[in-house]
Amino acid sequence: MTSTAHSVALPPGVGRSENILGVTHIYKATAEETGGKLICLEVSVPAGHGIPMHTHSREDESFYVVEGTVLIEGDDVQDGQPMGPGSFFYGVRGRRHSFHNPGPAAAKLVIVATPGANLEAMFGGLAVLTAQGPTPEKVDELCRRFGIQFDLKK
């Protein structure tokens, strides 16, 4: 990342929006704005949606629940721990995690990934796949190129 970081201030609902497999991402801070140090996303997760068990090899993720409830599972969190408003989860690279919104309402999360450029590029690719009609094989192939390994047996 060759850009220089600068301050970012955005009001609610403002930022670049992407549909990633039915989940809305609004970028509150992009890798370009932060000099690649991080990305910050406001994520709206519909009831019944989430991401299966996976491992990041290149970044850490932090999740803060603003609205609704998600179930977090992983190497360090067992049995689908319910996380409601005000809850926080830190997912360190190299450790498996997943999240799922059991419903009935959408959940809103703030997700920060450090560093950010790799994950932002992957999400861009997933937005294109979403528009084209993704297959599990294409999603898995794309994510692997960005160092994300799914564990679909869990």
Protein backbone atom coordinates (compact mmCIF):
# COMPACT_ATOMS: atom_id res chain seq x y z
CA MET A 1 0.00 0.00 0.00
CA THR A 2 1.66 3.20 -1.16
CA SER A 3 -0.86 5.73 0.11
CA THR A 4 -0.61 7.74 3.29
CA ALA A 5 -3.18 7.37 6.02
CA HIS A 6 -5.53 10.24 6.78
CA SER A 7 -8.37 10.89 9.20
CA VAL A 8 -11.83 9.64 8.25
CA ALA A 9 -15.16 10.91 9.62
CA LEU A 10 -18.40 9.52 8.18
CA PRO A 11 -22.00 9.97 9.36
CA PRO A 12 -24.31 6.97 9.81
CA GLY A 13 -25.18 5.09 6.62
CA VAL A 14 -22.40 6.72 4.58
CA GLY A 15 -19.58 4.77 2.92
CA ARG A 16 -19.01 2.50 -0.06
CA SER A 17 -21.52 -0.34 0.06
CA GLU A 18 -21.07 -3.90 -1.22
CA ASN A 19 -23.34 -6.94 -1.25
CA ILE A 20 -21.23 -9.88 -0.15
CA LEU A 21 -23.26 -13.09 -0.51
CA GLY A 22 -26.41 -11.43 0.87
CA VAL A 23 -24.64 -9.51 3.65
CA THR A 24 -24.31 -5.72 3.27
CA HIS A 25 -20.91 -4.16 3.97
CA ILE A 26 -20.55 -0.38 4.33
CA TYR A 27 -16.92 0.73 4.42
CA LYS A 28 -16.39 3.22 7.24
CA ALA A 29 -12.61 3.23 6.61
CA THR A 30 -10.85 1.70 3.61
CA ALA A 31 -7.30 0.38 3.32
CA GLU A 32 -6.41 3.33 1.11
CA GLU A 33 -7.60 5.79 3.76
CA THR A 34 -5.67 4.04 6.54
CA GLY A 35 -2.46 3.41 4.63
CA GLY A 36 -3.33 -0.30 4.62
CA LYS A 37 -3.33 -0.54 8.42
CA LEU A 38 -6.99 -1.56 8.71
CA ILE A 39 -10.47 -1.57 7.27
CA CYS A 40 -13.61 -0.84 9.26
CA LEU A 41 -16.96 -2.16 8.07
CA GLU A 42 -20.53 -1.72 9.21
CA VAL A 43 -22.08 -5.09 8.39
CA SER A 44 -25.78 -5.93 8.26
CA VAL A 45 -26.32 -9.68 8.63
CA PRO A 46 -29.85 -10.89 7.78
CA ALA A 47 -31.45 -13.59 9.90
CA GLY A 48 -30.15 -16.99 8.87
CA HIS A 49 -26.93 -15.62 7.34
CA GLY A 50 -23.34 -15.76 8.52
CA ILE A 51 -19.98 -17.19 7.55
CA PRO A 52 -18.90 -20.81 8.07
CA MET A 53 -15.88 -21.85 10.10
CA HIS A 54 -12.73 -20.37 8.57
CA THR A 55 -9.18 -19.28 9.33
CA HIS A 56 -7.39 -16.10 8.26
CA SER A 57 -3.67 -16.42 7.62
CA ARG A 58 -3.04 -12.71 6.94
CA GLU A 59 -5.22 -10.59 9.23
CA ASP A 60 -6.92 -10.35 12.61
CA GLU A 61 -10.61 -9.42 12.89
CA SER A 62 -12.51 -7.69 15.66
CA PHE A 63 -16.32 -7.81 15.86
CA TYR A 64 -18.51 -5.44 17.87
CA VAL A 65 -22.25 -6.18 17.94
CA VAL A 66 -24.38 -3.03 17.58
CA GLU A 67 -27.84 -4.59 17.06
CA GLY A 68 -29.32 -8.08 17.12
CA THR A 69 -27.52 -11.27 18.06
CA VAL A 70 -24.90 -13.43 16.40
CA LEU A 71 -23.58 -16.81 17.49
CA ILE A 72 -19.77 -16.94 17.49
CA GLU A 73 -17.89 -20.24 17.40
CA GLY A 74 -14.25 -21.09 17.00
CA ASP A 75 -11.09 -22.56 18.42
CA ASP A 76 -11.38 -20.31 21.47
CA VAL A 77 -15.21 -20.05 21.69
CA GLN A 78 -17.26 -23.24 21.80
CA ASP A 79 -20.94 -24.07 21.40
CA GLY A 80 -22.13 -20.95 19.54
CA GLN A 81 -21.73 -18.25 22.18
CA PRO A 82 -24.59 -15.73 21.77
CA MET A 83 -23.33 -12.18 21.38
CA GLY A 84 -25.86 -9.35 21.70
CA PRO A 85 -25.51 -5.55 21.55
CA GLY A 86 -22.32 -4.37 23.20
CA SER A 87 -20.56 -7.75 22.82
CA PHE A 88 -17.03 -7.96 21.40
CA PHE A 89 -15.04 -10.77 19.76
CA TYR A 90 -11.40 -10.67 18.68
CA GLY A 91 -10.47 -13.29 16.08
CA VAL A 92 -6.72 -13.69 15.83
CA ARG A 93 -5.16 -14.90 12.58
CA GLY A 94 -4.43 -18.59 12.53
CA ARG A 95 -7.40 -19.44 14.82
CA ARG A 96 -10.72 -20.69 13.40
CA HIS A 97 -13.95 -18.76 13.90
CA SER A 98 -17.45 -18.42 12.43
CA PHE A 99 -20.55 -16.37 13.05
CA HIS A 100 -24.23 -16.86 12.33
CA ASN A 101 -27.33 -14.74 12.90
CA PRO A 102 -30.04 -17.04 14.30
CA GLY A 103 -32.69 -14.31 13.86
CA PRO A 104 -35.39 -13.31 13.94
CA ALA A 105 -34.07 -9.80 13.08
CA ALA A 106 -31.01 -8.60 11.19
CA ALA A 107 -27.85 -8.07 13.21
CA LYS A 108 -25.55 -5.09 12.77
CA LEU A 109 -21.83 -5.48 13.45
CA VAL A 110 -18.79 -3.26 13.24
CA ILE A 111 -15.85 -5.30 11.96
CA VAL A 112 -12.24 -4.09 11.98
CA ALA A 113 -9.60 -6.10 10.12
CA THR A 114 -5.87 -5.49 10.60
CA PRO A 115 -4.15 -5.10 8.27
CA GLY A 116 -6.92 -4.25 5.85
CA ALA A 117 -5.87 -4.27 2.19
CA ASN A 118 -5.95 -8.05 1.62
CA LEU A 119 -9.42 -8.53 3.07
CA GLU A 120 -10.82 -5.48 1.27
CA ALA A 121 -9.54 -6.88 -2.05
CA MET A 122 -11.10 -10.26 -1.28
CA PHE A 123 -14.45 -8.65 -0.43
CA GLY A 124 -14.31 -6.78 -3.75
CA GLY A 125 -13.89 -10.09 -5.54
CA LEU A 126 -16.75 -11.61 -3.55
CA ALA A 127 -19.00 -8.66 -4.49
CA VAL A 128 -18.31 -9.40 -8.18
CA LEU A 129 -19.03 -13.11 -7.63
CA THR A 130 -22.23 -12.24 -5.78
CA ALA A 131 -23.44 -10.21 -8.77
CA GLN A 132 -22.54 -13.06 -11.17
CA GLY A 133 -24.19 -15.85 -9.16
CA PRO A 134 -21.56 -17.48 -6.97
CA THR A 135 -20.94 -21.17 -6.47
CA PRO A 136 -19.38 -22.58 -3.30
CA GLU A 137 -16.39 -23.72 -5.38
CA LYS A 138 -15.76 -20.23 -6.81
CA VAL A 139 -16.11 -18.60 -3.39
CA ASP A 140 -13.69 -21.11 -1.84
CA GLU A 141 -11.18 -20.67 -4.67
CA LEU A 142 -11.27 -16.86 -4.39
CA CYS A 143 -10.94 -16.85 -0.61
CA ARG A 144 -7.99 -19.27 -0.71
CA ARG A 145 -6.12 -16.82 -2.98
CA PHE A 146 -6.42 -14.29 -0.15
CA GLY A 147 -5.33 -16.66 2.63
CA ILE A 148 -8.78 -17.63 3.94
CA GLN A 149 -9.27 -21.36 4.55
CA PHE A 150 -12.81 -22.71 5.11
CA ASP A 151 -13.47 -25.74 7.30
CA LEU A 152 -16.79 -26.89 5.87
CA LYS A 153 -16.78 -30.07 8.01
CA LYS A 154 -17.60 -28.04 11.16
